[in-house]
PDB file of N, CA and C in Angstrom:
ATOM      1  N   MET A   1       0.855   7.778  32.750  1.00  0.00           N
ATOM      2  CA  MET A   1       0.114   6.677  33.324  1.00  0.00           C
ATOM      3  C   MET A   1      -0.500   5.866  32.180  1.00  0.00           C
ATOM      4  N   PRO A   2      -0.268   4.576  32.139  1.00  0.00           N
ATOM      5  CA  PRO A   2      -0.773   3.760  31.029  1.00  0.00           C
ATOM      6  C   PRO A   2      -2.301   3.639  31.058  1.00  0.00           C
ATOM      7  N   LEU A   3      -2.853   3.375  29.899  1.00  0.00           N
ATOM      8  CA  LEU A   3      -4.291   3.179  29.762  1.00  0.00           C
ATOM      9  C   LEU A   3      -4.695   1.858  30.402  1.00  0.00           C
ATOM     10  N   THR A   4      -5.790   1.899  31.167  1.00  0.00           N
ATOM     11  CA  THR A   4      -6.371   0.675  31.695  1.00  0.00           C
ATOM     12  C   THR A   4      -7.829   0.623  31.254  1.00  0.00           C
ATOM     13  N   LEU A   5      -8.278  -0.583  30.906  1.00  0.00           N
ATOM     14  CA  LEU A   5      -9.645  -0.796  30.449  1.00  0.00           C
ATOM     15  C   LEU A   5     -10.208  -2.034  31.110  1.00  0.00           C
ATOM     16  N   SER A   6     -11.458  -1.955  31.517  1.00  0.00           N
ATOM     17  CA  SER A   6     -12.153  -3.147  31.985  1.00  0.00           C
ATOM     18  C   SER A   6     -13.626  -2.968  31.667  1.00  0.00           C
ATOM     19  N   SER A   7     -14.305  -4.082  31.470  1.00  0.00           N
ATOM     20  CA  SER A   7     -15.741  -4.049  31.198  1.00  0.00           C
ATOM     21  C   SER A   7     -16.448  -4.944  32.187  1.00  0.00           C
ATOM     22  N   ARG A   8     -17.624  -4.502  32.588  1.00  0.00           N
ATOM     23  CA  ARG A   8     -18.449  -5.337  33.465  1.00  0.00           C
ATOM     24  C   ARG A   8     -19.895  -5.233  33.006  1.00  0.00           C
ATOM     25  N   ARG A   9     -20.612  -6.331  33.177  1.00  0.00           N
ATOM     26  CA  ARG A   9     -22.020  -6.400  32.785  1.00  0.00           C
ATOM     27  C   ARG A   9     -22.898  -6.466  34.014  1.00  0.00           C
ATOM     28  N   ALA A  10     -24.031  -5.785  33.934  1.00  0.00           N
ATOM     29  CA  ALA A  10     -25.030  -5.858  34.999  1.00  0.00           C
ATOM     30  C   ALA A  10     -26.352  -5.346  34.455  1.00  0.00           C
ATOM     31  N   ASP A  11     -27.387  -6.122  34.635  1.00  0.00           N
ATOM     32  CA  ASP A  11     -28.747  -5.697  34.289  1.00  0.00           C
ATOM     33  C   ASP A  11     -28.873  -5.160  32.858  1.00  0.00           C
ATOM     34  N   GLY A  12     -28.302  -5.842  31.903  1.00  0.00           N
ATOM     35  CA  GLY A  12     -28.432  -5.447  30.505  1.00  0.00           C
ATOM     36  C   GLY A  12     -27.521  -4.330  30.067  1.00  0.00           C
ATOM     37  N   ALA A  13     -26.662  -3.860  30.966  1.00  0.00           N
ATOM     38  CA  ALA A  13     -25.739  -2.774  30.635  1.00  0.00           C
ATOM     39  C   ALA A  13     -24.303  -3.274  30.677  1.00  0.00           C
ATOM     40  N   VAL A  14     -23.479  -2.676  29.836  1.00  0.00           N
ATOM     41  CA  VAL A  14     -22.036  -2.899  29.901  1.00  0.00           C
ATOM     42  C   VAL A  14     -21.403  -1.573  30.286  1.00  0.00           C
ATOM     43  N   THR A  15     -20.598  -1.594  31.338  1.00  0.00           N
ATOM     44  CA  THR A  15     -19.830  -0.424  31.740  1.00  0.00           C
ATOM     45  C   THR A  15     -18.377  -0.652  31.351  1.00  0.00           C
ATOM     46  N   VAL A  16     -17.851   0.262  30.558  1.00  0.00           N
ATOM     47  CA  VAL A  16     -16.440   0.249  30.185  1.00  0.00           C
ATOM     48  C   VAL A  16     -15.747   1.248  31.105  1.00  0.00           C
ATOM     49  N   ALA A  17     -14.937   0.743  32.020  1.00  0.00           N
ATOM     50  CA  ALA A  17     -14.193   1.598  32.947  1.00  0.00           C
ATOM     51  C   ALA A  17     -12.826   1.900  32.343  1.00  0.00           C
ATOM     52  N   VAL A  18     -12.507   3.180  32.258  1.00  0.00           N
ATOM     53  CA  VAL A  18     -11.285   3.633  31.615  1.00  0.00           C
ATOM     54  C   VAL A  18     -10.433   4.347  32.656  1.00  0.00           C
ATOM     55  N   GLY A  19      -9.136   4.093  32.629  1.00  0.00           N
ATOM     56  CA  GLY A  19      -8.226   4.766  33.543  1.00  0.00           C
ATOM     57  C   GLY A  19      -6.947   5.164  32.849  1.00  0.00           C
ATOM     58  N   GLY A  20      -6.249   6.109  33.434  1.00  0.00           N
ATOM     59  CA  GLY A  20      -4.960   6.535  32.895  1.00  0.00           C
ATOM     60  C   GLY A  20      -5.104   7.578  31.811  1.00  0.00           C
ATOM     61  N   GLU A  21      -4.203   7.520  30.838  1.00  0.00           N
ATOM     62  CA  GLU A  21      -4.148   8.507  29.768  1.00  0.00           C
ATOM     63  C   GLU A  21      -4.666   7.913  28.468  1.00  0.00           C
ATOM     64  N   VAL A  22      -5.555   8.653  27.815  1.00  0.00           N
ATOM     65  CA  VAL A  22      -6.085   8.254  26.516  1.00  0.00           C
ATOM     66  C   VAL A  22      -5.532   9.230  25.496  1.00  0.00           C
ATOM     67  N   ASP A  23      -4.733   8.708  24.576  1.00  0.00           N
ATOM     68  CA  ASP A  23      -4.145   9.558  23.548  1.00  0.00           C
ATOM     69  C   ASP A  23      -4.028   8.787  22.234  1.00  0.00           C
ATOM     70  N   LEU A  24      -3.418   9.405  21.253  1.00  0.00           N
ATOM     71  CA  LEU A  24      -3.311   8.808  19.923  1.00  0.00           C
ATOM     72  C   LEU A  24      -2.668   7.427  19.952  1.00  0.00           C
ATOM     73  N   SER A  25      -1.744   7.211  20.879  1.00  0.00           N
ATOM     74  CA  SER A  25      -1.025   5.932  20.917  1.00  0.00           C
ATOM     75  C   SER A  25      -1.880   4.766  21.379  1.00  0.00           C
ATOM     76  N   ASN A  26      -2.994   5.043  22.087  1.00  0.00           N
ATOM     77  CA  ASN A  26      -3.794   3.934  22.615  1.00  0.00           C
ATOM     78  C   ASN A  26      -5.299   4.099  22.403  1.00  0.00           C
ATOM     79  N   ALA A  27      -5.708   5.133  21.688  1.00  0.00           N
ATOM     80  CA  ALA A  27      -7.134   5.392  21.479  1.00  0.00           C
ATOM     81  C   ALA A  27      -7.824   4.220  20.791  1.00  0.00           C
ATOM     82  N   GLN A  28      -7.115   3.509  19.924  1.00  0.00           N
ATOM     83  CA  GLN A  28      -7.734   2.363  19.237  1.00  0.00           C
ATOM     84  C   GLN A  28      -8.108   1.262  20.224  1.00  0.00           C
ATOM     85  N   ASP A  29      -7.347   1.101  21.286  1.00  0.00           N
ATOM     86  CA  ASP A  29      -7.690   0.113  22.312  1.00  0.00           C
ATOM     87  C   ASP A  29      -9.034   0.462  22.958  1.00  0.00           C
ATOM     88  N   LEU A  30      -9.232   1.736  23.255  1.00  0.00           N
ATOM     89  CA  LEU A  30     -10.505   2.179  23.810  1.00  0.00           C
ATOM     90  C   LEU A  30     -11.614   1.991  22.785  1.00  0.00           C
ATOM     91  N   ALA A  31     -11.341   2.320  21.538  1.00  0.00           N
ATOM     92  CA  ALA A  31     -12.341   2.138  20.476  1.00  0.00           C
ATOM     93  C   ALA A  31     -12.767   0.680  20.372  1.00  0.00           C
ATOM     94  N   ASP A  32     -11.812  -0.219  20.436  1.00  0.00           N
ATOM     95  CA  ASP A  32     -12.117  -1.649  20.347  1.00  0.00           C
ATOM     96  C   ASP A  32     -12.990  -2.098  21.516  1.00  0.00           C
ATOM     97  N   GLU A  33     -12.699  -1.602  22.711  1.00  0.00           N
ATOM     98  CA  GLU A  33     -13.471  -1.973  23.904  1.00  0.00           C
ATOM     99  C   GLU A  33     -14.911  -1.448  23.807  1.00  0.00           C
ATOM    100  N   ILE A  34     -15.064  -0.202  23.374  1.00  0.00           N
ATOM    101  CA  ILE A  34     -16.397   0.370  23.221  1.00  0.00           C
ATOM    102  C   ILE A  34     -17.168  -0.345  22.121  1.00  0.00           C
ATOM    103  N   THR A  35     -16.516  -0.625  21.004  1.00  0.00           N
ATOM    104  CA  THR A  35     -17.177  -1.330  19.904  1.00  0.00           C
ATOM    105  C   THR A  35     -17.657  -2.702  20.345  1.00  0.00           C
ATOM    106  N   ALA A  36     -16.834  -3.424  21.092  1.00  0.00           N
ATOM    107  CA  ALA A  36     -17.236  -4.744  21.591  1.00  0.00           C
ATOM    108  C   ALA A  36     -18.466  -4.625  22.492  1.00  0.00           C
ATOM    109  N   ALA A  37     -18.505  -3.599  23.324  1.00  0.00           N
ATOM    110  CA  ALA A  37     -19.657  -3.398  24.206  1.00  0.00           C
ATOM    111  C   ALA A  37     -20.912  -3.092  23.396  1.00  0.00           C
ATOM    112  N   VAL A  38     -20.778  -2.225  22.403  1.00  0.00           N
ATOM    113  CA  VAL A  38     -21.926  -1.863  21.566  1.00  0.00           C
ATOM    114  C   VAL A  38     -22.421  -3.058  20.762  1.00  0.00           C
ATOM    115  N   GLU A  39     -21.510  -3.890  20.309  1.00  0.00           N
ATOM    116  CA  GLU A  39     -21.891  -5.048  19.489  1.00  0.00           C
ATOM    117  C   GLU A  39     -22.371  -6.230  20.320  1.00  0.00           C
ATOM    118  N   SER A  40     -22.282  -6.131  21.629  1.00  0.00           N
ATOM    119  CA  SER A  40     -22.805  -7.190  22.488  1.00  0.00           C
ATOM    120  C   SER A  40     -24.336  -7.088  22.519  1.00  0.00           C
ATOM    121  N   ASP A  41     -24.960  -7.922  23.324  1.00  0.00           N
ATOM    122  CA  ASP A  41     -26.416  -7.860  23.428  1.00  0.00           C
ATOM    123  C   ASP A  41     -26.886  -6.872  24.499  1.00  0.00           C
ATOM    124  N   ALA A  42     -25.988  -6.072  25.022  1.00  0.00           N
ATOM    125  CA  ALA A  42     -26.347  -5.072  26.030  1.00  0.00           C
ATOM    126  C   ALA A  42     -27.235  -3.993  25.415  1.00  0.00           C
ATOM    127  N   THR A  43     -28.144  -3.482  26.194  1.00  0.00           N
ATOM    128  CA  THR A  43     -29.018  -2.410  25.719  1.00  0.00           C
ATOM    129  C   THR A  43     -28.497  -1.036  26.111  1.00  0.00           C
ATOM    130  N   GLU A  44     -27.572  -1.010  27.063  1.00  0.00           N
ATOM    131  CA  GLU A  44     -27.005   0.257  27.519  1.00  0.00           C
ATOM    132  C   GLU A  44     -25.489   0.136  27.621  1.00  0.00           C
ATOM    133  N   ILE A  45     -24.805   1.157  27.130  1.00  0.00           N
ATOM    134  CA  ILE A  45     -23.346   1.223  27.196  1.00  0.00           C
ATOM    135  C   ILE A  45     -22.992   2.460  28.014  1.00  0.00           C
ATOM    136  N   ILE A  46     -22.205   2.245  29.062  1.00  0.00           N
ATOM    137  CA  ILE A  46     -21.751   3.337  29.917  1.00  0.00           C
ATOM    138  C   ILE A  46     -20.227   3.358  29.854  1.00  0.00           C
ATOM    139  N   VAL A  47     -19.669   4.512  29.539  1.00  0.00           N
ATOM    140  CA  VAL A  47     -18.215   4.674  29.521  1.00  0.00           C
ATOM    141  C   VAL A  47     -17.850   5.532  30.728  1.00  0.00           C
ATOM    142  N   ASP A  48     -17.198   4.908  31.698  1.00  0.00           N
ATOM    143  CA  ASP A  48     -16.843   5.539  32.967  1.00  0.00           C
ATOM    144  C   ASP A  48     -15.428   6.097  32.868  1.00  0.00           C
ATOM    145  N   LEU A  49     -15.311   7.421  32.861  1.00  0.00           N
ATOM    146  CA  LEU A  49     -14.008   8.080  32.748  1.00  0.00           C
ATOM    147  C   LEU A  49     -13.456   8.517  34.100  1.00  0.00           C
ATOM    148  N   GLY A  50     -13.978   7.974  35.181  1.00  0.00           N
ATOM    149  CA  GLY A  50     -13.606   8.411  36.519  1.00  0.00           C
ATOM    150  C   GLY A  50     -12.131   8.339  36.849  1.00  0.00           C
ATOM    151  N   GLU A  51     -11.406   7.454  36.214  1.00  0.00           N
ATOM    152  CA  GLU A  51      -9.974   7.304  36.505  1.00  0.00           C
ATOM    153  C   GLU A  51      -9.081   7.812  35.369  1.00  0.00           C
ATOM    154  N   VAL A  52      -9.658   8.539  34.419  1.00  0.00           N
ATOM    155  CA  VAL A  52      -8.870   9.079  33.302  1.00  0.00           C
ATOM    156  C   VAL A  52      -8.199  10.369  33.761  1.00  0.00           C
ATOM    157  N   THR A  53      -6.881  10.441  33.532  1.00  0.00           N
ATOM    158  CA  THR A  53      -6.112  11.613  33.948  1.00  0.00           C
ATOM    159  C   THR A  53      -5.738  12.517  32.781  1.00  0.00           C
ATOM    160  N   PHE A  54      -5.859  12.006  31.557  1.00  0.00           N
ATOM    161  CA  PHE A  54      -5.522  12.787  30.370  1.00  0.00           C
ATOM    162  C   PHE A  54      -6.337  12.258  29.209  1.00  0.00           C
ATOM    163  N   LEU A  55      -6.821  13.168  28.374  1.00  0.00           N
ATOM    164  CA  LEU A  55      -7.603  12.809  27.195  1.00  0.00           C
ATOM    165  C   LEU A  55      -7.265  13.797  26.104  1.00  0.00           C
ATOM    166  N   ASP A  56      -6.896  13.289  24.914  1.00  0.00           N
ATOM    167  CA  ASP A  56      -6.623  14.199  23.806  1.00  0.00           C
ATOM    168  C   ASP A  56      -7.712  14.066  22.751  1.00  0.00           C
ATOM    169  N   SER A  57      -7.518  14.720  21.622  1.00  0.00           N
ATOM    170  CA  SER A  57      -8.542  14.726  20.574  1.00  0.00           C
ATOM    171  C   SER A  57      -8.826  13.331  20.031  1.00  0.00           C
ATOM    172  N   ALA A  58      -7.838  12.455  20.016  1.00  0.00           N
ATOM    173  CA  ALA A  58      -8.080  11.076  19.555  1.00  0.00           C
ATOM    174  C   ALA A  58      -9.063  10.377  20.493  1.00  0.00           C
ATOM    175  N   GLY A  59      -8.928  10.610  21.788  1.00  0.00           N
ATOM    176  CA  GLY A  59      -9.856  10.030  22.754  1.00  0.00           C
ATOM    177  C   GLY A  59     -11.255  10.599  22.618  1.00  0.00           C
ATOM    178  N   ILE A  60     -11.349  11.904  22.402  1.00  0.00           N
ATOM    179  CA  ILE A  60     -12.658  12.524  22.196  1.00  0.00           C
ATOM    180  C   ILE A  60     -13.327  11.934  20.959  1.00  0.00           C
ATOM    181  N   ASN A  61     -12.569  11.773  19.897  1.00  0.00           N
ATOM    182  CA  ASN A  61     -13.125  11.185  18.671  1.00  0.00           C
ATOM    183  C   ASN A  61     -13.648   9.779  18.915  1.00  0.00           C
ATOM    184  N   VAL A  62     -12.937   8.988  19.705  1.00  0.00           N
ATOM    185  CA  VAL A  62     -13.390   7.627  20.028  1.00  0.00           C
ATOM    186  C   VAL A  62     -14.711   7.678  20.789  1.00  0.00           C
ATOM    187  N   LEU A  63     -14.816   8.564  21.763  1.00  0.00           N
ATOM    188  CA  LEU A  63     -16.057   8.678  22.536  1.00  0.00           C
ATOM    189  C   LEU A  63     -17.232   9.085  21.650  1.00  0.00           C
ATOM    190  N   LEU A  64     -16.989  10.025  20.734  1.00  0.00           N
ATOM    191  CA  LEU A  64     -18.045  10.457  19.819  1.00  0.00           C
ATOM    192  C   LEU A  64     -18.427   9.355  18.838  1.00  0.00           C
ATOM    193  N   LYS A  65     -17.448   8.639  18.337  1.00  0.00           N
ATOM    194  CA  LYS A  65     -17.740   7.533  17.417  1.00  0.00           C
ATOM    195  C   LYS A  65     -18.541   6.448  18.145  1.00  0.00           C
ATOM    196  N   GLY A  66     -18.185   6.166  19.398  1.00  0.00           N
ATOM    197  CA  GLY A  66     -18.938   5.192  20.176  1.00  0.00           C
ATOM    198  C   GLY A  66     -20.397   5.598  20.288  1.00  0.00           C
ATOM    199  N   ARG A  67     -20.639   6.879  20.519  1.00  0.00           N
ATOM    200  CA  ARG A  67     -22.015   7.386  20.603  1.00  0.00           C
ATOM    201  C   ARG A  67     -22.751   7.166  19.285  1.00  0.00           C
ATOM    202  N   ARG A  68     -22.084   7.489  18.185  1.00  0.00           N
ATOM    203  CA  ARG A  68     -22.696   7.350  16.863  1.00  0.00           C
ATOM    204  C   ARG A  68     -23.037   5.888  16.562  1.00  0.00           C
ATOM    205  N   ILE A  69     -22.111   4.979  16.863  1.00  0.00           N
ATOM    206  CA  ILE A  69     -22.345   3.551  16.605  1.00  0.00           C
ATOM    207  C   ILE A  69     -23.483   3.043  17.491  1.00  0.00           C
ATOM    208  N   ALA A  70     -23.489   3.442  18.748  1.00  0.00           N
ATOM    209  CA  ALA A  70     -24.558   3.010  19.664  1.00  0.00           C
ATOM    210  C   ALA A  70     -25.912   3.533  19.191  1.00  0.00           C
ATOM    211  N   ASP A  71     -25.966   4.799  18.795  1.00  0.00           N
ATOM    212  CA  ASP A  71     -27.216   5.369  18.300  1.00  0.00           C
ATOM    213  C   ASP A  71     -27.699   4.616  17.063  1.00  0.00           C
ATOM    214  N   ASP A  72     -26.772   4.292  16.162  1.00  0.00           N
ATOM    215  CA  ASP A  72     -27.131   3.554  14.944  1.00  0.00           C
ATOM    216  C   ASP A  72     -27.710   2.185  15.253  1.00  0.00           C
ATOM    217  N   ARG A  73     -27.275   1.591  16.347  1.00  0.00           N
ATOM    218  CA  ARG A  73     -27.737   0.249  16.726  1.00  0.00           C
ATOM    219  C   ARG A  73     -28.875   0.280  17.761  1.00  0.00           C
ATOM    220  N   GLY A  74     -29.340   1.477  18.082  1.00  0.00           N
ATOM    221  CA  GLY A  74     -30.442   1.601  19.026  1.00  0.00           C
ATOM    222  C   GLY A  74     -30.065   1.307  20.462  1.00  0.00           C
ATOM    223  N   ARG A  75     -28.794   1.485  20.792  1.00  0.00           N
ATOM    224  CA  ARG A  75     -28.319   1.258  22.153  1.00  0.00           C
ATOM    225  C   ARG A  75     -28.253   2.595  22.900  1.00  0.00           C
ATOM    226  N   THR A  76     -28.542   2.561  24.178  1.00  0.00           N
ATOM    227  CA  THR A  76     -28.349   3.730  25.026  1.00  0.00           C
ATOM    228  C   THR A  76     -26.851   3.846  25.307  1.00  0.00           C
ATOM    229  N   TYR A  77     -26.311   5.061  25.252  1.00  0.00           N
ATOM    230  CA  TYR A  77     -24.878   5.286  25.413  1.00  0.00           C
ATOM    231  C   TYR A  77     -24.681   6.577  26.186  1.00  0.00           C
ATOM    232  N   ARG A  78     -23.818   6.516  27.184  1.00  0.00           N
ATOM    233  CA  ARG A  78     -23.467   7.744  27.887  1.00  0.00           C
ATOM    234  C   ARG A  78     -22.093   7.622  28.518  1.00  0.00           C
ATOM    235  N   VAL A  79     -21.470   8.764  28.634  1.00  0.00           N
ATOM    236  CA  VAL A  79     -20.160   8.877  29.268  1.00  0.00           C
ATOM    237  C   VAL A  79     -20.390   9.484  30.646  1.00  0.00           C
ATOM    238  N   THR A  80     -19.750   8.895  31.665  1.00  0.00           N
ATOM    239  CA  THR A  80     -19.960   9.349  33.038  1.00  0.00           C
ATOM    240  C   THR A  80     -18.628   9.591  33.741  1.00  0.00           C
ATOM    241  N   GLU A  81     -18.722  10.245  34.872  1.00  0.00           N
ATOM    242  CA  GLU A  81     -17.643  10.374  35.862  1.00  0.00           C
ATOM    243  C   GLU A  81     -16.392  11.116  35.397  1.00  0.00           C
ATOM    244  N   ALA A  82     -16.456  11.845  34.285  1.00  0.00           N
ATOM    245  CA  ALA A  82     -15.283  12.640  33.887  1.00  0.00           C
ATOM    246  C   ALA A  82     -15.016  13.676  34.967  1.00  0.00           C
ATOM    247  N   ARG A  83     -13.746  13.838  35.304  1.00  0.00           N
ATOM    248  CA  ARG A  83     -13.368  14.738  36.394  1.00  0.00           C
ATOM    249  C   ARG A  83     -12.244  15.686  35.962  1.00  0.00           C
ATOM    250  N   GLY A  84     -12.115  16.757  36.694  1.00  0.00           N
ATOM    251  CA  GLY A  84     -10.985  17.665  36.537  1.00  0.00           C
ATOM    252  C   GLY A  84     -10.765  18.139  35.121  1.00  0.00           C
ATOM    253  N   MET A  85      -9.519  18.050  34.678  1.00  0.00           N
ATOM    254  CA  MET A  85      -9.116  18.533  33.364  1.00  0.00           C
ATOM    255  C   MET A  85      -9.869  17.815  32.252  1.00  0.00           C
ATOM    256  N   VAL A  86     -10.148  16.531  32.438  1.00  0.00           N
ATOM    257  CA  VAL A  86     -10.849  15.762  31.409  1.00  0.00           C
ATOM    258  C   VAL A  86     -12.256  16.326  31.212  1.00  0.00           C
ATOM    259  N   ARG A  87     -12.950  16.570  32.292  1.00  0.00           N
ATOM    260  CA  ARG A  87     -14.303  17.130  32.186  1.00  0.00           C
ATOM    261  C   ARG A  87     -14.255  18.547  31.606  1.00  0.00           C
ATOM    262  N   GLN A  88     -13.288  19.345  32.036  1.00  0.00           N
ATOM    263  CA  GLN A  88     -13.153  20.703  31.497  1.00  0.00           C
ATOM    264  C   GLN A  88     -12.923  20.666  29.990  1.00  0.00           C
ATOM    265  N   LEU A  89     -12.079  19.755  29.539  1.00  0.00           N
ATOM    266  CA  LEU A  89     -11.811  19.637  28.106  1.00  0.00           C
ATOM    267  C   LEU A  89     -13.080  19.250  27.348  1.00  0.00           C
ATOM    268  N   LEU A  90     -13.827  18.284  27.878  1.00  0.00           N
ATOM    269  CA  LEU A  90     -15.059  17.858  27.209  1.00  0.00           C
ATOM    270  C   LEU A  90     -16.088  18.993  27.178  1.00  0.00           C
ATOM    271  N   ARG A  91     -16.144  19.772  28.230  1.00  0.00           N
ATOM    272  CA  ARG A  91     -17.056  20.928  28.245  1.00  0.00           C
ATOM    273  C   ARG A  91     -16.577  22.008  27.275  1.00  0.00           C
ATOM    274  N   MET A  92     -15.282  22.298  27.304  1.00  0.00           N
ATOM    275  CA  MET A  92     -14.717  23.350  26.470  1.00  0.00           C
ATOM    276  C   MET A  92     -14.894  23.040  24.979  1.00  0.00           C
ATOM    277  N   THR A  93     -14.806  21.772  24.627  1.00  0.00           N
ATOM    278  CA  THR A  93     -14.959  21.389  23.225  1.00  0.00           C
ATOM    279  C   THR A  93     -16.424  21.236  22.827  1.00  0.00           C
ATOM    280  N   GLY A  94     -17.317  21.355  23.798  1.00  0.00           N
ATOM    281  CA  GLY A  94     -18.737  21.308  23.502  1.00  0.00           C
ATOM    282  C   GLY A  94     -19.328  19.923  23.359  1.00  0.00           C
ATOM    283  N   VAL A  95     -18.620  18.894  23.786  1.00  0.00           N
ATOM    284  CA  VAL A  95     -19.140  17.533  23.610  1.00  0.00           C
ATOM    285  C   VAL A  95     -19.668  16.905  24.893  1.00  0.00           C
ATOM    286  N   TRP A  96     -19.414  17.510  26.059  1.00  0.00           N
ATOM    287  CA  TRP A  96     -19.832  16.882  27.314  1.00  0.00           C
ATOM    288  C   TRP A  96     -21.340  16.654  27.356  1.00  0.00           C
ATOM    289  N   GLU A  97     -22.126  17.662  27.022  1.00  0.00           N
ATOM    290  CA  GLU A  97     -23.580  17.513  27.069  1.00  0.00           C
ATOM    291  C   GLU A  97     -24.046  16.411  26.118  1.00  0.00           C
ATOM    292  N   HIS A  98     -23.451  16.339  24.957  1.00  0.00           N
ATOM    293  CA  HIS A  98     -23.814  15.312  23.972  1.00  0.00           C
ATOM    294  C   HIS A  98     -23.468  13.912  24.481  1.00  0.00           C
ATOM    295  N   LEU A  99     -22.320  13.768  25.112  1.00  0.00           N
ATOM    296  CA  LEU A  99     -21.865  12.455  25.565  1.00  0.00           C
ATOM    297  C   LEU A  99     -22.484  12.033  26.894  1.00  0.00           C
ATOM    298  N   SER A 100     -22.827  12.977  27.742  1.00  0.00           N
ATOM    299  CA  SER A 100     -23.292  12.613  29.083  1.00  0.00           C
ATOM    300  C   SER A 100     -24.809  12.450  29.175  1.00  0.00           C
ATOM    301  N   ARG A 101     -25.519  12.935  28.202  1.00  0.00           N
ATOM    302  CA  ARG A 101     -26.980  12.740  28.245  1.00  0.00           C
ATOM    303  C   ARG A 101     -27.326  11.377  27.686  1.00  0.00           C
ATOM    304  N   THR A 102     -28.374  10.807  28.219  1.00  0.00           N
ATOM    305  CA  THR A 102     -28.833   9.502  27.744  1.00  0.00           C
ATOM    306  C   THR A 102     -29.596   9.689  26.456  1.00  0.00           C
ATOM    307  N   ALA A 103     -29.234   8.913  25.460  1.00  0.00           N
ATOM    308  CA  ALA A 103     -29.950   8.915  24.179  1.00  0.00           C
ATOM    309  C   ALA A 103     -29.824   7.529  23.600  1.00  0.00           C
ATOM    310  N   GLY A 104     -30.524   7.274  22.551  1.00  0.00           N
ATOM    311  CA  GLY A 104     -30.486   5.950  21.922  1.00  0.00           C
ATOM    312  C   GLY A 104     -31.570   5.089  22.500  1.00  0.00           C
ATOM    313  N   GLY A 105     -31.426   3.776  22.265  1.00  0.00           N
ATOM    314  CA  GLY A 105     -32.397   2.830  22.778  1.00  0.00           C
ATOM    315  C   GLY A 105     -33.693   3.100  22.182  1.00  0.00           C
TER     316      GLY A 105
END
Protein backbone atom coordinates (compact mmCIF):
# COMPACT_ATOMS: atom_id res chain seq x y z
CA MET A 1 0.00 0.00 0.00
CA PRO A 2 1.58 3.32 -1.02
CA LEU A 3 2.36 6.04 1.49
CA THR A 4 -0.21 8.79 1.83
CA LEU A 5 0.40 12.08 3.64
CA SER A 6 -1.80 15.04 4.41
CA SER A 7 -1.55 17.95 6.81
CA ARG A 8 -4.28 20.01 8.37
CA ARG A 9 -4.17 23.02 10.67
CA ALA A 10 -6.51 23.81 13.53
CA ASP A 11 -6.13 25.93 16.64
CA GLY A 12 -2.36 26.37 16.39
CA ALA A 13 -1.71 22.69 15.72
CA VAL A 14 -0.66 20.86 12.58
CA THR A 15 -1.76 17.25 12.25
CA VAL A 16 0.22 15.14 9.80
CA ALA A 17 -2.00 12.20 8.82
CA VAL A 18 -0.02 9.22 7.55
CA GLY A 19 -1.39 6.18 5.76
CA GLY A 20 -0.09 3.07 4.07
CA GLU A 21 3.42 1.71 4.41
CA VAL A 22 6.36 3.71 5.74
CA ASP A 23 9.70 2.22 4.79
CA LEU A 24 13.17 3.13 3.55
CA SER A 25 11.85 3.92 0.07
CA ASN A 26 9.53 6.71 1.26
CA ALA A 27 10.61 7.68 4.79
CA GLN A 28 12.14 10.91 3.47
CA ASP A 29 8.70 12.02 2.26
CA LEU A 30 7.38 11.63 5.80
CA ALA A 31 10.45 13.42 7.17
CA ASP A 32 9.85 16.34 4.82
CA GLU A 33 6.19 16.59 5.87
CA ILE A 34 7.04 16.52 9.58
CA THR A 35 9.86 19.04 9.13
CA ALA A 36 7.54 21.43 7.29
CA ALA A 37 5.02 21.15 10.14
CA VAL A 38 7.69 21.78 12.78
CA GLU A 39 9.09 24.75 10.86
CA SER A 40 5.65 26.32 10.50
CA ASP A 41 4.26 28.69 13.11
CA ALA A 42 2.28 25.87 14.74
CA THR A 43 2.85 25.32 18.44
CA GLU A 44 1.81 21.67 18.37
CA ILE A 45 2.67 18.90 15.91
CA ILE A 46 0.58 15.73 15.91
CA VAL A 47 1.57 12.76 13.76
CA ASP A 48 -1.49 10.55 13.25
CA LEU A 49 -0.50 6.97 12.36
CA GLY A 50 -4.08 5.66 12.36
CA GLU A 51 -3.94 4.50 8.75
CA VAL A 52 -0.36 3.16 8.74
CA THR A 53 -0.23 -0.56 7.95
CA PHE A 54 3.55 -1.05 8.01
CA LEU A 55 6.46 0.79 9.61
CA ASP A 56 10.13 -0.14 9.48
CA SER A 57 13.21 1.23 11.24
CA ALA A 58 13.52 4.10 8.74
CA GLY A 59 10.03 5.24 9.72
CA ILE A 60 10.80 4.95 13.42
CA ASN A 61 13.93 7.05 12.91
CA VAL A 62 11.87 9.74 11.15
CA LEU A 63 9.38 9.86 14.02
CA LEU A 64 12.19 10.15 16.57
CA LYS A 65 13.99 12.83 14.57
CA GLY A 66 10.72 14.77 14.31
CA ARG A 67 10.44 14.67 18.10
CA ARG A 68 14.02 15.89 18.51
CA ILE A 69 13.56 18.78 16.04
CA ALA A 70 10.25 19.79 17.66
CA ASP A 71 11.80 19.71 21.14
CA ASP A 72 14.72 21.83 19.91
CA ARG A 73 12.27 24.42 18.58
CA GLY A 74 10.04 24.37 21.66
CA ARG A 75 7.12 22.77 19.83
CA THR A 76 4.80 20.20 21.37
CA TYR A 77 5.06 16.92 19.42
CA ARG A 78 3.27 13.63 19.76
CA VAL A 79 2.46 10.56 17.74
CA THR A 80 -1.10 9.25 17.98
CA GLU A 81 -3.44 6.52 16.77
CA ALA A 82 -0.84 3.81 16.05
CA ARG A 83 -2.69 0.52 15.77
CA GLY A 84 -2.02 -3.19 15.49
CA MET A 85 1.43 -4.25 14.34
CA VAL A 86 2.62 -0.64 14.11
CA ARG A 87 1.80 0.05 17.75
CA GLN A 88 3.29 -3.30 18.82
CA LEU A 89 6.52 -2.47 16.99
CA LEU A 90 6.73 0.97 18.61
CA ARG A 91 6.14 -0.57 22.04
CA MET A 92 8.57 -3.44 21.44
CA THR A 93 11.33 -1.04 20.40
CA GLY A 94 10.68 1.10 23.47
CA VAL A 95 9.79 4.31 21.64
CA TRP A 96 5.98 4.42 21.97
CA GLU A 97 5.99 6.08 25.40
CA HIS A 98 8.55 8.64 24.22
CA LEU A 99 6.62 9.47 21.05
CA SER A 100 3.08 9.39 22.44
CA ARG A 101 3.57 11.55 25.50
CA THR A 102 3.25 15.28 25.16
CA ALA A 103 6.50 17.15 25.61
CA GLY A 104 8.07 20.31 24.28
CA GLY A 105 6.43 23.68 24.10
